[in-house]
């Protein structure tokens, strides 16, 4: 069940290879930010980091990282999210090489 504009859509499915975010007719820039934020959060979770550890690694504070985790994307630029992801990938690369 999906809710769109206060209406419940029953039997909705998102085709394979497509993000559910694309189904809500959102601004493409917002969708791109949401996808980057999700990649950051997924990387942090896969690395087993606490919010404090993630914040330190990313050069931010724990409360600010918490806001990212809560989806408050208006507080983050695309560039900042990209930098966060690059830092995480760099650290991940050190452990996998």
C-alpha atoms as a PDB file:
ATOM      1  CA  UNK A   1       0.000   0.000   0.000  1.00  0.00           C
ATOM      2  CA  UNK A   2       1.353   3.406  -0.992  1.00  0.00           C
ATOM      3  CA  UNK A   3       0.131   6.841   0.083  1.00  0.00           C
ATOM      4  CA  UNK A   4       0.343   9.614  -2.517  1.00  0.00           C
ATOM      5  CA  UNK A   5      -1.158  13.050  -1.756  1.00  0.00           C
ATOM      6  CA  UNK A   6      -3.239  11.642   1.113  1.00  0.00           C
ATOM      7  CA  UNK A   7      -4.674   8.932  -1.143  1.00  0.00           C
ATOM      8  CA  UNK A   8      -3.958   5.279  -0.641  1.00  0.00           C
ATOM      9  CA  UNK A   9      -2.897   3.427  -3.775  1.00  0.00           C
ATOM     10  CA  UNK A  10      -3.400  -0.309  -3.414  1.00  0.00           C
ATOM     11  CA  UNK A  11      -1.367  -2.755  -5.442  1.00  0.00           C
ATOM     12  CA  UNK A  12       1.314  -0.272  -6.429  1.00  0.00           C
ATOM     13  CA  UNK A  13       4.673  -1.735  -7.408  1.00  0.00           C
ATOM     14  CA  UNK A  14       7.894  -0.137  -8.535  1.00  0.00           C
ATOM     15  CA  UNK A  15       9.515  -1.742 -11.589  1.00  0.00           C
ATOM     16  CA  UNK A  16      12.891  -3.400 -11.114  1.00  0.00           C
ATOM     17  CA  UNK A  17      15.842  -1.073 -11.544  1.00  0.00           C
ATOM     18  CA  UNK A  18      13.807   1.971 -10.598  1.00  0.00           C
ATOM     19  CA  UNK A  19      13.766   3.798  -7.263  1.00  0.00           C
ATOM     20  CA  UNK A  20      10.514   4.194  -5.379  1.00  0.00           C
ATOM     21  CA  UNK A  21      11.475   7.871  -5.040  1.00  0.00           C
ATOM     22  CA  UNK A  22      10.946   8.253  -8.781  1.00  0.00           C
ATOM     23  CA  UNK A  23       7.304   7.205  -8.413  1.00  0.00           C
ATOM     24  CA  UNK A  24       6.387  10.269  -6.354  1.00  0.00           C
ATOM     25  CA  UNK A  25       7.138  12.895  -9.015  1.00  0.00           C
ATOM     26  CA  UNK A  26       9.721  14.583  -6.799  1.00  0.00           C
ATOM     27  CA  UNK A  27      12.282  17.117  -7.936  1.00  0.00           C
ATOM     28  CA  UNK A  28      15.130  15.165  -9.593  1.00  0.00           C
ATOM     29  CA  UNK A  29      17.717  17.099  -7.558  1.00  0.00           C
ATOM     30  CA  UNK A  30      15.984  16.029  -4.337  1.00  0.00           C
ATOM     31  CA  UNK A  31      15.895  12.409  -5.520  1.00  0.00           C
ATOM     32  CA  UNK A  32      19.636  12.571  -6.271  1.00  0.00           C
ATOM     33  CA  UNK A  33      20.331  13.963  -2.769  1.00  0.00           C
ATOM     34  CA  UNK A  34      18.180  11.272  -1.187  1.00  0.00           C
ATOM     35  CA  UNK A  35      20.052   8.546  -3.065  1.00  0.00           C
ATOM     36  CA  UNK A  36      23.430   9.961  -1.995  1.00  0.00           C
ATOM     37  CA  UNK A  37      22.279  10.223   1.619  1.00  0.00           C
ATOM     38  CA  UNK A  38      21.099   6.622   1.496  1.00  0.00           C
ATOM     39  CA  UNK A  39      24.484   5.511   0.149  1.00  0.00           C
ATOM     40  CA  UNK A  40      26.216   7.352   2.995  1.00  0.00           C
ATOM     41  CA  UNK A  41      23.949   5.779   5.619  1.00  0.00           C
ATOM     42  CA  UNK A  42      24.311   2.318   4.078  1.00  0.00           C
ATOM     43  CA  UNK A  43      28.110   2.624   4.018  1.00  0.00           C
ATOM     44  CA  UNK A  44      28.192   3.719   7.665  1.00  0.00           C
ATOM     45  CA  UNK A  45      25.974   0.795   8.658  1.00  0.00           C
ATOM     46  CA  UNK A  46      28.030  -1.722   6.649  1.00  0.00           C
ATOM     47  CA  UNK A  47      31.210  -0.429   8.283  1.00  0.00           C
ATOM     48  CA  UNK A  48      29.632  -0.905  11.713  1.00  0.00           C
ATOM     49  CA  UNK A  49      30.267   2.690  12.739  1.00  0.00           C
ATOM     50  CA  UNK A  50      28.414   4.519  15.461  1.00  0.00           C
ATOM     51  CA  UNK A  51      27.024   7.962  14.656  1.00  0.00           C
ATOM     52  CA  UNK A  52      29.880   9.483  16.648  1.00  0.00           C
ATOM     53  CA  UNK A  53      32.499   7.504  14.706  1.00  0.00           C
ATOM     54  CA  UNK A  54      30.833   8.330  11.394  1.00  0.00           C
ATOM     55  CA  UNK A  55      30.667  12.020  12.257  1.00  0.00           C
ATOM     56  CA  UNK A  56      34.350  12.095  13.204  1.00  0.00           C
ATOM     57  CA  UNK A  57      35.333  10.323   9.985  1.00  0.00           C
ATOM     58  CA  UNK A  58      33.188  12.669   7.899  1.00  0.00           C
ATOM     59  CA  UNK A  59      34.434  15.811   9.624  1.00  0.00           C
ATOM     60  CA  UNK A  60      31.096  16.791  11.117  1.00  0.00           C
ATOM     61  CA  UNK A  61      29.325  16.495  14.466  1.00  0.00           C
ATOM     62  CA  UNK A  62      27.203  13.639  15.767  1.00  0.00           C
ATOM     63  CA  UNK A  63      24.058  15.824  15.945  1.00  0.00           C
ATOM     64  CA  UNK A  64      24.563  16.863  12.330  1.00  0.00           C
ATOM     65  CA  UNK A  65      25.097  13.262  11.211  1.00  0.00           C
ATOM     66  CA  UNK A  66      21.948  12.341  13.146  1.00  0.00           C
ATOM     67  CA  UNK A  67      20.024  14.898  11.082  1.00  0.00           C
ATOM     68  CA  UNK A  68      21.330  13.275   7.909  1.00  0.00           C
ATOM     69  CA  UNK A  69      20.231   9.882   9.217  1.00  0.00           C
ATOM     70  CA  UNK A  70      16.786  11.337   9.914  1.00  0.00           C
ATOM     71  CA  UNK A  71      16.488  12.497   6.301  1.00  0.00           C
ATOM     72  CA  UNK A  72      16.786  16.243   6.871  1.00  0.00           C
ATOM     73  CA  UNK A  73      18.341  16.685   3.454  1.00  0.00           C
ATOM     74  CA  UNK A  74      17.744  20.427   3.194  1.00  0.00           C
ATOM     75  CA  UNK A  75      20.643  20.871   5.645  1.00  0.00           C
ATOM     76  CA  UNK A  76      23.129  19.211   3.248  1.00  0.00           C
ATOM     77  CA  UNK A  77      24.357  20.181  -0.196  1.00  0.00           C
ATOM     78  CA  UNK A  78      24.958  17.667  -2.966  1.00  0.00           C
ATOM     79  CA  UNK A  79      28.655  18.502  -2.752  1.00  0.00           C
ATOM     80  CA  UNK A  80      28.789  17.746   0.978  1.00  0.00           C
ATOM     81  CA  UNK A  81      27.026  14.409   0.518  1.00  0.00           C
ATOM     82  CA  UNK A  82      29.420  13.522  -2.300  1.00  0.00           C
ATOM     83  CA  UNK A  83      32.391  14.390  -0.066  1.00  0.00           C
ATOM     84  CA  UNK A  84      30.970  12.226   2.721  1.00  0.00           C
ATOM     85  CA  UNK A  85      30.595   9.318   0.331  1.00  0.00           C
ATOM     86  CA  UNK A  86      34.133   9.739  -1.043  1.00  0.00           C
ATOM     87  CA  UNK A  87      35.581   9.741   2.497  1.00  0.00           C
ATOM     88  CA  UNK A  88      33.665   6.586   3.382  1.00  0.00           C
ATOM     89  CA  UNK A  89      34.687   4.827   0.161  1.00  0.00           C
ATOM     90  CA  UNK A  90      38.322   5.772   0.778  1.00  0.00           C
ATOM     91  CA  UNK A  91      38.228   4.189   4.237  1.00  0.00           C
ATOM     92  CA  UNK A  92      36.366   1.131   2.951  1.00  0.00           C
ATOM     93  CA  UNK A  93      39.025   0.723   0.263  1.00  0.00           C
ATOM     94  CA  UNK A  94      41.763   0.577   2.898  1.00  0.00           C
ATOM     95  CA  UNK A  95      40.082  -2.434   4.486  1.00  0.00           C
ATOM     96  CA  UNK A  96      39.313  -4.310   1.276  1.00  0.00           C
ATOM     97  CA  UNK A  97      42.687  -3.900  -0.462  1.00  0.00           C
END
